[in-house]
Amino acid sequence: MTTHPRWPYAALDTTAHRPTPLRQFVLKVHSRCNLDCSYCYLYRGRDDGWRDRPPRTPEPTMRRTAARIAEHVRAHGLDRIRVELHGGEPLLAGPEPVLAYTRAVREAVPAGCRVTATVQTNGTRLTDTALDALAGAGVRVGLSLDGGRAAHNARRVDHAGRPAWPAARAAARRLAARPESYAGILCTIDLDADPHDVYRSLLDLAPPSVDFLLPHANWAHPPPGQPPGRPGRHRPRPTPYGDWLAVVFDDWWDGGRQRTRVRLFQEIAALLLGAPSRAEAVGLSPMAAVVVETDGAIEQVDSLRSAYPGAAETGLDVFRNSFDQALRHPGIAARQLGERALAPECLGCPVGRVCGGGNYVHRYAPGTGFRHPSVYCADLERLVRHVADRLERTVRGST
């Protein structure tokens, strides 16, 4: 049985909470993966609950999930939603299960609701035939890579230790030739890789967007390259990830902005200029995403598994519960509270409204829970201040 920390599970009263409807549904197609990445928080982490789930989502679970999504769409009058088909590796059984799940949702929701579908893959199973089928159904494809060269992806190997890069590179080339199907690249930061080289190599793969991800870590398990510490932004800490990202930002700002979007940088720049956020990594906009596992369990985002075993669990499932009930779960409600979910240190921080306390997952400390600054607090402040300085210099130079 999972023992959750006091905040938000015991300390947050959700009875008066006015939830934001869910608009992003992460649907698990396959709960296994053909890769054995050395840094994987899911298969190499502290939570092995995936072992107890069916490898593939059965068709009745797909239909029931689609009906629950349609119920939520009707209840809140939503005119558009996103479904993201995930794993494990969602293409392990070919494109057919992805297409079936997408079709079930589109057929279930009201005619006036637009469904944008994306499959997130490691690229090793993205053949020409699979891409043709996905493109024909209007399902876009996102790639997970660590850079645009073999050396950047040395940590991404299969269970026999063979590199995943040759197949992933072939997938990137296929997508570059089909830009209408190319959703972009997710790239987890590796401090050992040169930031200039990583960014420029990714541009060579012609993605419409790149999203740089901080390795999932928390105060109990600090990120690679960071010393152990205790929550609190008043303690000076090094900023290796902030420094790495600042280098990439300058490359993007000075030369690559017209070639690709970098979501983290765009979000920070928009927040500094007064716009609302649209990503969970920064800002204070309410989280509007939920996960449905292969057995129909309704869960919070997978990255919570990096905190402690069972951290993503809600105890709900699509057979017994609605998504409106999930909105009342303290873990989901806490991510819709904005400033009310922040630690006192974040409320008093001059960049707190921009970084938004950082990714919720990265705030975890054993026993007390998620009401702390991010373990990447110093890195985020370094990056936000750097972006602000570049914006200010650009404005001054144009007047």
Protein backbone atom coordinates (compact mmCIF):
# COMPACT_ATOMS: atom_id res chain seq x y z
CA MET A 1 0.00 0.00 0.00
CA THR A 2 1.32 3.42 -0.98
CA THR A 3 2.01 5.93 1.78
CA HIS A 4 1.70 9.42 0.35
CA PRO A 5 3.35 12.48 1.94
CA ARG A 6 1.35 14.99 3.96
CA TRP A 7 1.26 17.64 1.23
CA PRO A 8 -0.91 17.57 -0.71
CA TYR A 9 -2.56 14.30 0.29
CA ALA A 10 -3.50 15.07 3.91
CA ALA A 11 -3.12 18.85 4.00
CA LEU A 12 -5.06 19.92 0.91
CA ASP A 13 -8.85 20.28 1.13
CA THR A 14 -10.26 19.89 -2.40
CA THR A 15 -13.93 20.40 -1.53
CA ALA A 16 -13.85 24.09 -2.48
CA HIS A 17 -11.51 23.58 -5.43
CA ARG A 18 -12.81 24.84 -8.78
CA PRO A 19 -11.00 22.53 -11.18
CA THR A 20 -9.84 23.23 -14.71
CA PRO A 21 -11.18 20.61 -17.16
CA LEU A 22 -8.74 18.09 -18.56
CA ARG A 23 -7.66 18.72 -22.14
CA GLN A 24 -4.67 16.40 -22.47
CA PHE A 25 -5.12 12.63 -22.19
CA VAL A 26 -1.96 10.52 -22.14
CA LEU A 27 -3.11 7.08 -23.23
CA LYS A 28 -0.80 4.13 -22.67
CA VAL A 29 -0.75 1.78 -25.62
CA HIS A 30 2.05 -0.53 -24.49
CA SER A 31 3.58 -0.85 -21.02
CA ARG A 32 6.89 -2.38 -22.12
CA CYS A 33 9.89 -0.90 -23.94
CA ASN A 34 12.45 -2.37 -26.32
CA LEU A 35 15.16 -0.01 -25.02
CA ASP A 36 17.05 -0.07 -21.72
CA CYS A 37 18.14 3.56 -21.38
CA SER A 38 20.54 3.99 -18.48
CA TYR A 39 18.69 7.01 -17.04
CA CYS A 40 15.10 5.76 -17.43
CA TYR A 41 13.06 6.70 -14.36
CA LEU A 42 10.29 4.26 -15.28
CA TYR A 43 12.03 0.94 -15.88
CA ARG A 44 15.16 1.60 -13.84
CA GLY A 45 13.52 3.68 -11.13
CA ARG A 46 12.05 3.05 -7.71
CA ASP A 47 8.50 2.26 -8.91
CA ASP A 48 8.10 -1.11 -10.66
CA GLY A 49 4.30 -1.03 -10.81
CA TRP A 50 4.50 -1.37 -14.60
CA ARG A 51 5.27 -5.06 -14.11
CA ASP A 52 1.71 -5.67 -12.90
CA ARG A 53 -0.02 -4.09 -15.90
CA PRO A 54 -0.99 -5.81 -19.15
CA PRO A 55 1.65 -5.24 -21.84
CA ARG A 56 -0.97 -3.97 -24.31
CA THR A 57 -4.19 -2.04 -23.77
CA PRO A 58 -7.16 -4.34 -24.48
CA GLU A 59 -9.80 -3.09 -26.90
CA PRO A 60 -12.56 -2.92 -24.21
CA THR A 61 -10.30 -0.63 -22.14
CA MET A 62 -9.77 1.59 -25.18
CA ARG A 63 -13.52 1.85 -25.74
CA ARG A 64 -14.23 2.57 -22.08
CA THR A 65 -11.53 5.23 -21.94
CA ALA A 66 -12.89 6.84 -25.10
CA ALA A 67 -16.37 6.92 -23.56
CA ARG A 68 -15.02 8.56 -20.41
CA ILE A 69 -13.17 11.18 -22.47
CA ALA A 70 -16.36 11.91 -24.42
CA GLU A 71 -18.27 12.21 -21.14
CA HIS A 72 -15.72 14.80 -19.93
CA VAL A 73 -15.84 16.70 -23.23
CA ARG A 74 -19.64 16.95 -23.07
CA ALA A 75 -19.71 17.90 -19.40
CA HIS A 76 -17.37 20.85 -19.98
CA GLY A 77 -18.28 21.82 -23.54
CA LEU A 78 -14.72 21.33 -24.79
CA ASP A 79 -14.11 22.10 -28.45
CA ARG A 80 -10.63 20.55 -28.64
CA ILE A 81 -8.52 18.02 -26.75
CA ARG A 82 -5.15 16.34 -27.18
CA VAL A 83 -4.50 12.63 -26.96
CA GLU A 84 -0.92 11.48 -26.65
CA LEU A 85 -0.23 7.81 -27.27
CA HIS A 86 2.59 6.65 -25.03
CA GLY A 87 4.37 3.59 -23.63
CA GLY A 88 6.81 2.07 -22.88
CA GLU A 89 7.27 2.09 -26.61
CA PRO A 90 3.81 2.56 -28.18
CA LEU A 91 4.85 1.14 -31.56
CA LEU A 92 6.06 -2.20 -30.19
CA ALA A 93 2.96 -3.89 -31.63
CA GLY A 94 3.03 -1.77 -34.78
CA PRO A 95 0.85 1.25 -35.55
CA GLU A 96 -2.49 -0.60 -35.37
CA PRO A 97 -3.12 -0.24 -31.60
CA VAL A 98 -2.24 3.47 -31.80
CA LEU A 99 -4.65 3.91 -34.69
CA ALA A 100 -7.37 1.92 -32.92
CA TYR A 101 -7.12 3.99 -29.74
CA THR A 102 -7.15 7.26 -31.69
CA ARG A 103 -10.13 6.11 -33.74
CA ALA A 104 -12.05 5.08 -30.62
CA VAL A 105 -11.63 8.54 -29.08
CA ARG A 106 -12.51 10.42 -32.27
CA GLU A 107 -15.63 8.34 -32.79
CA ALA A 108 -16.76 8.80 -29.18
CA VAL A 109 -16.39 12.58 -28.72
CA PRO A 110 -19.02 15.03 -30.02
CA ALA A 111 -18.66 16.15 -33.62
CA GLY A 112 -17.69 19.68 -32.58
CA CYS A 113 -14.61 18.57 -30.62
CA ARG A 114 -11.29 18.46 -32.44
CA VAL A 115 -8.92 15.66 -31.37
CA THR A 116 -5.22 16.27 -31.97
CA ALA A 117 -3.34 12.98 -31.73
CA THR A 118 0.41 12.45 -31.26
CA VAL A 119 2.42 9.29 -30.65
CA GLN A 120 5.68 9.66 -28.70
CA THR A 121 8.23 7.07 -29.81
CA ASN A 122 11.91 6.19 -29.54
CA GLY A 123 11.87 5.83 -33.32
CA THR A 124 13.22 2.30 -33.53
CA ARG A 125 9.92 0.89 -34.86
CA LEU A 126 8.96 3.79 -37.12
CA THR A 127 9.12 2.13 -40.53
CA ASP A 128 7.93 3.71 -43.76
CA THR A 129 4.81 1.56 -43.59
CA ALA A 130 4.08 2.60 -40.00
CA LEU A 131 4.57 6.28 -40.82
CA ASP A 132 2.29 6.03 -43.84
CA ALA A 133 -0.44 4.53 -41.66
CA LEU A 134 -0.04 7.13 -38.91
CA ALA A 135 0.06 10.02 -41.38
CA GLY A 136 -3.03 8.71 -43.12
CA ALA A 137 -4.92 8.85 -39.84
CA GLY A 138 -3.64 12.31 -38.94
CA VAL A 139 -1.50 11.07 -36.04
CA ARG A 140 1.66 13.14 -35.63
CA VAL A 141 4.91 11.61 -34.36
CA GLY A 142 7.25 12.90 -31.67
CA LEU A 143 10.76 11.48 -31.23
CA SER A 144 12.66 10.96 -27.99
CA LEU A 145 16.41 11.52 -28.51
CA ASP A 146 19.39 12.84 -26.55
CA GLY A 147 20.87 14.73 -29.48
CA GLY A 148 21.49 14.40 -33.20
CA ARG A 149 24.59 12.22 -33.12
CA ALA A 150 25.46 8.67 -32.12
CA ALA A 151 27.71 9.92 -29.29
CA HIS A 152 24.81 11.87 -27.75
CA ASN A 153 22.64 8.76 -27.65
CA ALA A 154 25.14 6.34 -26.11
CA ARG A 155 22.83 5.89 -23.10
CA ARG A 156 19.97 4.75 -25.35
CA VAL A 157 20.53 1.05 -26.02
CA ASP A 158 18.36 -2.04 -26.30
CA HIS A 159 18.29 -4.89 -23.79
CA ALA A 160 21.25 -6.54 -25.51
CA GLY A 161 23.30 -3.34 -25.28
CA ARG A 162 22.99 -2.49 -28.98
CA PRO A 163 22.71 1.20 -29.88
CA ALA A 164 19.29 2.59 -30.77
CA TRP A 165 20.77 5.49 -32.74
CA PRO A 166 20.86 4.02 -36.29
CA ALA A 167 17.13 3.25 -36.27
CA ALA A 168 16.30 6.54 -34.52
CA ARG A 169 18.29 8.52 -37.08
CA ALA A 170 16.44 6.76 -39.89
CA ALA A 171 13.14 7.67 -38.20
CA ALA A 172 14.19 11.32 -37.97
CA ARG A 173 15.00 11.35 -41.68
CA ARG A 174 11.63 9.84 -42.52
CA LEU A 175 9.88 12.50 -40.45
CA ALA A 176 11.95 15.33 -41.92
CA ALA A 177 10.61 14.24 -45.32
CA ARG A 178 7.05 14.30 -43.91
CA PRO A 179 6.94 17.61 -41.99
CA GLU A 180 3.16 17.48 -41.63
CA SER A 181 3.62 14.37 -39.44
CA TYR A 182 6.64 15.61 -37.46
CA ALA A 183 5.65 16.73 -33.95
CA GLY A 184 9.19 17.44 -32.74
CA ILE A 185 11.91 16.05 -30.49
CA LEU A 186 12.10 15.55 -26.73
CA CYS A 187 15.69 15.72 -25.51
CA THR A 188 16.82 14.92 -21.96
CA ILE A 189 19.82 17.02 -20.95
CA ASP A 190 23.17 15.28 -20.51
CA LEU A 191 25.77 17.54 -18.89
CA ASP A 192 28.56 15.50 -20.47
CA ALA A 193 27.40 16.52 -23.95
CA ASP A 194 28.44 19.87 -25.38
CA PRO A 195 25.33 22.10 -25.51
CA HIS A 196 26.35 23.81 -28.77
CA ASP A 197 26.82 20.43 -30.45
CA VAL A 198 23.61 18.95 -29.09
CA TYR A 199 21.48 21.86 -30.26
CA ARG A 200 23.08 22.19 -33.69
CA SER A 201 22.93 18.45 -34.29
CA LEU A 202 19.24 18.45 -33.45
CA LEU A 203 18.65 21.25 -35.96
CA ASP A 204 20.18 19.00 -38.62
CA LEU A 205 17.26 16.59 -38.01
CA ALA A 206 14.84 19.38 -39.06
CA PRO A 207 12.38 19.14 -36.15
CA PRO A 208 9.59 21.73 -35.99
CA SER A 209 10.18 21.94 -32.23
CA VAL A 210 12.59 20.77 -29.54
CA ASP A 211 11.77 20.38 -25.87
CA PHE A 212 14.76 20.14 -23.53
CA LEU A 213 13.96 18.13 -20.40
CA LEU A 214 15.72 18.24 -17.06
CA PRO A 215 16.47 14.72 -15.78
CA HIS A 216 13.80 13.78 -13.26
CA ALA A 217 15.22 14.27 -9.78
CA ASN A 218 14.17 15.54 -6.35
CA TRP A 219 15.60 16.46 -2.95
CA ALA A 220 16.02 12.80 -1.98
CA HIS A 221 17.66 11.86 -5.27
CA PRO A 222 19.49 14.89 -6.70
CA PRO A 223 20.22 15.17 -10.42
CA PRO A 224 23.51 14.04 -11.95
CA GLY A 225 26.13 16.70 -11.39
CA GLN A 226 24.41 18.17 -8.33
CA PRO A 227 25.41 17.59 -4.69
CA PRO A 228 22.82 16.36 -2.16
CA GLY A 229 20.98 19.12 -0.33
CA ARG A 230 17.91 20.10 1.61
CA PRO A 231 14.97 22.14 0.28
CA GLY A 232 15.43 25.90 0.39
CA ARG A 233 16.50 28.37 -2.25
CA HIS A 234 18.55 30.42 0.25
CA ARG A 235 21.33 27.84 0.15
CA PRO A 236 23.83 28.62 -2.63
CA ARG A 237 24.01 25.82 -5.18
CA PRO A 238 25.89 25.36 -8.45
CA THR A 239 23.94 25.83 -11.70
CA PRO A 240 25.28 23.32 -14.24
CA TYR A 241 21.89 22.79 -15.92
CA GLY A 242 21.13 26.49 -16.00
CA ASP A 243 24.54 27.16 -17.53
CA TRP A 244 24.00 24.41 -20.15
CA LEU A 245 20.59 25.77 -21.10
CA ALA A 246 21.84 29.36 -21.23
CA VAL A 247 24.37 28.33 -23.89
CA VAL A 248 21.65 26.67 -25.96
CA PHE A 249 19.38 29.69 -25.51
CA ASP A 250 22.02 31.97 -26.98
CA ASP A 251 22.43 29.66 -29.98
CA TRP A 252 18.66 29.63 -30.47
CA TRP A 253 18.18 33.36 -29.90
CA ASP A 254 21.06 34.39 -32.14
CA GLY A 255 20.54 32.04 -35.04
CA GLY A 256 17.98 29.26 -34.85
CA ARG A 257 14.70 30.79 -33.76
CA GLN A 258 13.26 30.79 -37.26
CA ARG A 259 14.28 27.17 -37.82
CA THR A 260 12.65 25.50 -34.85
CA ARG A 261 10.67 26.23 -31.71
CA VAL A 262 12.20 25.49 -28.31
CA ARG A 263 9.25 25.28 -25.96
CA LEU A 264 11.09 25.94 -22.69
CA PHE A 265 12.68 29.12 -24.04
CA GLN A 266 9.48 30.36 -25.65
CA GLU A 267 7.55 29.79 -22.44
CA ILE A 268 10.06 31.68 -20.28
CA ALA A 269 10.22 34.58 -22.75
CA ALA A 270 6.42 34.76 -22.95
CA LEU A 271 6.09 34.71 -19.15
CA LEU A 272 8.64 37.50 -18.80
CA LEU A 273 6.53 39.54 -21.23
CA GLY A 274 3.34 38.90 -19.25
CA ALA A 275 1.74 36.03 -21.18
CA PRO A 276 0.38 32.92 -19.42
CA SER A 277 2.29 29.65 -19.46
CA ARG A 278 1.26 26.55 -21.37
CA ALA A 279 3.79 24.01 -20.07
CA GLU A 280 4.27 22.24 -16.75
CA ALA A 281 8.01 22.97 -16.57
CA VAL A 282 7.55 26.69 -15.83
CA GLY A 283 4.80 29.16 -15.01
CA LEU A 284 1.66 28.89 -12.94
CA SER A 285 -1.03 27.79 -15.36
CA PRO A 286 -3.15 24.86 -14.13
CA MET A 287 -2.13 21.37 -15.16
CA ALA A 288 -4.82 19.85 -17.41
CA ALA A 289 -3.36 16.42 -18.18
CA VAL A 290 -4.09 12.91 -16.96
CA VAL A 291 -2.77 9.41 -17.75
CA VAL A 292 -4.72 6.25 -18.49
CA GLU A 293 -2.68 3.08 -18.03
CA THR A 294 -3.01 -0.15 -20.06
CA ASP A 295 -5.35 -1.61 -17.41
CA GLY A 296 -7.57 1.49 -17.39
CA ALA A 297 -6.14 3.01 -14.20
CA ILE A 298 -6.41 6.80 -14.08
CA GLU A 299 -3.09 8.17 -12.91
CA GLN A 300 -1.10 11.34 -12.60
CA VAL A 301 1.84 11.99 -14.90
CA ASP A 302 4.43 9.22 -15.16
CA SER A 303 7.30 11.42 -14.01
CA LEU A 304 5.92 11.27 -10.46
CA ARG A 305 7.20 7.68 -10.32
CA SER A 306 10.68 9.15 -9.92
CA ALA A 307 9.67 10.42 -6.45
CA TYR A 308 8.57 7.22 -4.70
CA PRO A 309 6.71 3.97 -5.50
CA GLY A 310 3.02 4.62 -6.13
CA ALA A 311 3.38 8.40 -6.36
CA ALA A 312 1.38 8.55 -9.61
CA GLU A 313 -1.51 6.43 -8.34
CA THR A 314 -4.99 7.86 -7.74
CA GLY A 315 -6.94 4.68 -6.94
CA LEU A 316 -9.32 5.51 -9.79
CA ASP A 317 -10.00 3.76 -13.10
CA VAL A 318 -12.11 4.37 -16.19
CA PHE A 319 -14.47 1.49 -15.40
CA ARG A 320 -15.64 2.88 -12.04
CA ASN A 321 -14.72 6.57 -12.13
CA SER A 322 -15.15 9.67 -14.26
CA PHE A 323 -12.44 12.16 -15.10
CA ASP A 324 -14.35 14.74 -13.05
CA GLN A 325 -13.70 12.53 -10.03
CA ALA A 326 -10.01 12.54 -10.92
CA LEU A 327 -10.05 16.35 -10.84
CA ARG A 328 -10.90 16.12 -7.13
CA HIS A 329 -7.87 13.97 -6.35
CA PRO A 330 -5.49 15.99 -4.16
CA GLY A 331 -2.47 15.22 -6.33
CA ILE A 332 -4.20 16.49 -9.47
CA ALA A 333 -5.88 19.41 -7.69
CA ALA A 334 -2.54 20.56 -6.26
CA ARG A 335 -1.19 21.08 -9.77
CA GLN A 336 -4.05 23.44 -10.61
CA LEU A 337 -3.61 25.82 -7.67
CA GLY A 338 -0.98 28.13 -9.14
CA GLU A 339 0.68 30.26 -6.46
CA ARG A 340 -1.31 28.55 -3.69
CA ALA A 341 0.75 25.39 -4.25
CA LEU A 342 4.12 27.13 -3.98
CA ALA A 343 6.56 27.03 -1.10
CA PRO A 344 7.06 30.26 0.91
CA GLU A 345 10.53 30.58 -0.59
CA CYS A 346 9.04 30.60 -4.09
CA LEU A 347 6.43 33.21 -3.18
CA GLY A 348 9.21 35.54 -2.08
CA CYS A 349 11.45 34.86 -5.07
CA PRO A 350 11.75 37.60 -7.73
CA VAL A 351 11.52 35.03 -10.55
CA GLY A 352 8.96 32.80 -8.83
CA ARG A 353 6.04 33.72 -11.07
CA VAL A 354 8.11 32.86 -14.14
CA CYS A 355 9.64 29.56 -13.07
CA GLY A 356 6.44 28.73 -11.17
CA GLY A 357 8.36 26.64 -8.68
CA GLY A 358 9.64 24.46 -11.52
CA ASN A 359 8.30 21.06 -12.46
CA TYR A 360 6.06 19.77 -9.65
CA VAL A 361 7.87 16.43 -9.63
CA HIS A 362 11.21 18.08 -8.90
CA ARG A 363 9.89 19.65 -5.67
CA TYR A 364 9.52 16.40 -3.77
CA ALA A 365 11.20 15.85 -0.39
CA PRO A 366 10.56 12.68 1.66
CA GLY A 367 7.98 13.01 4.40
CA THR A 368 6.85 16.55 3.61
CA GLY A 369 5.95 16.12 -0.04
CA PHE A 370 5.78 18.58 -2.90
CA ARG A 371 5.55 22.03 -1.32
CA HIS A 372 9.22 22.93 -1.78
CA PRO A 373 11.29 24.77 -4.36
CA SER A 374 12.49 22.65 -7.24
CA VAL A 375 15.74 20.76 -6.74
CA TYR A 376 16.68 22.71 -9.90
CA CYS A 377 15.79 26.04 -8.26
CA ALA A 378 19.20 27.64 -8.76
CA ASP A 379 19.41 26.38 -12.34
CA LEU A 380 15.98 27.80 -13.18
CA GLU A 381 16.81 31.17 -11.68
CA ARG A 382 20.05 31.24 -13.67
CA LEU A 383 18.18 30.53 -16.91
CA VAL A 384 15.30 32.93 -16.27
CA ARG A 385 17.66 35.78 -15.45
CA HIS A 386 19.72 35.02 -18.55
CA VAL A 387 16.63 35.08 -20.79
CA ALA A 388 15.47 38.31 -19.15
CA ASP A 389 18.87 39.89 -19.78
CA ARG A 390 18.83 38.89 -23.46
CA LEU A 391 15.29 40.22 -23.86
CA GLU A 392 16.24 43.51 -22.25
CA ARG A 393 19.32 43.89 -24.46
CA THR A 394 17.24 43.15 -27.55
CA VAL A 395 14.64 45.75 -26.60
CA ARG A 396 17.31 48.35 -25.84
CA GLY A 397 18.99 47.63 -29.16
CA SER A 398 15.76 48.18 -31.11
CA THR A 399 14.98 51.60 -29.60
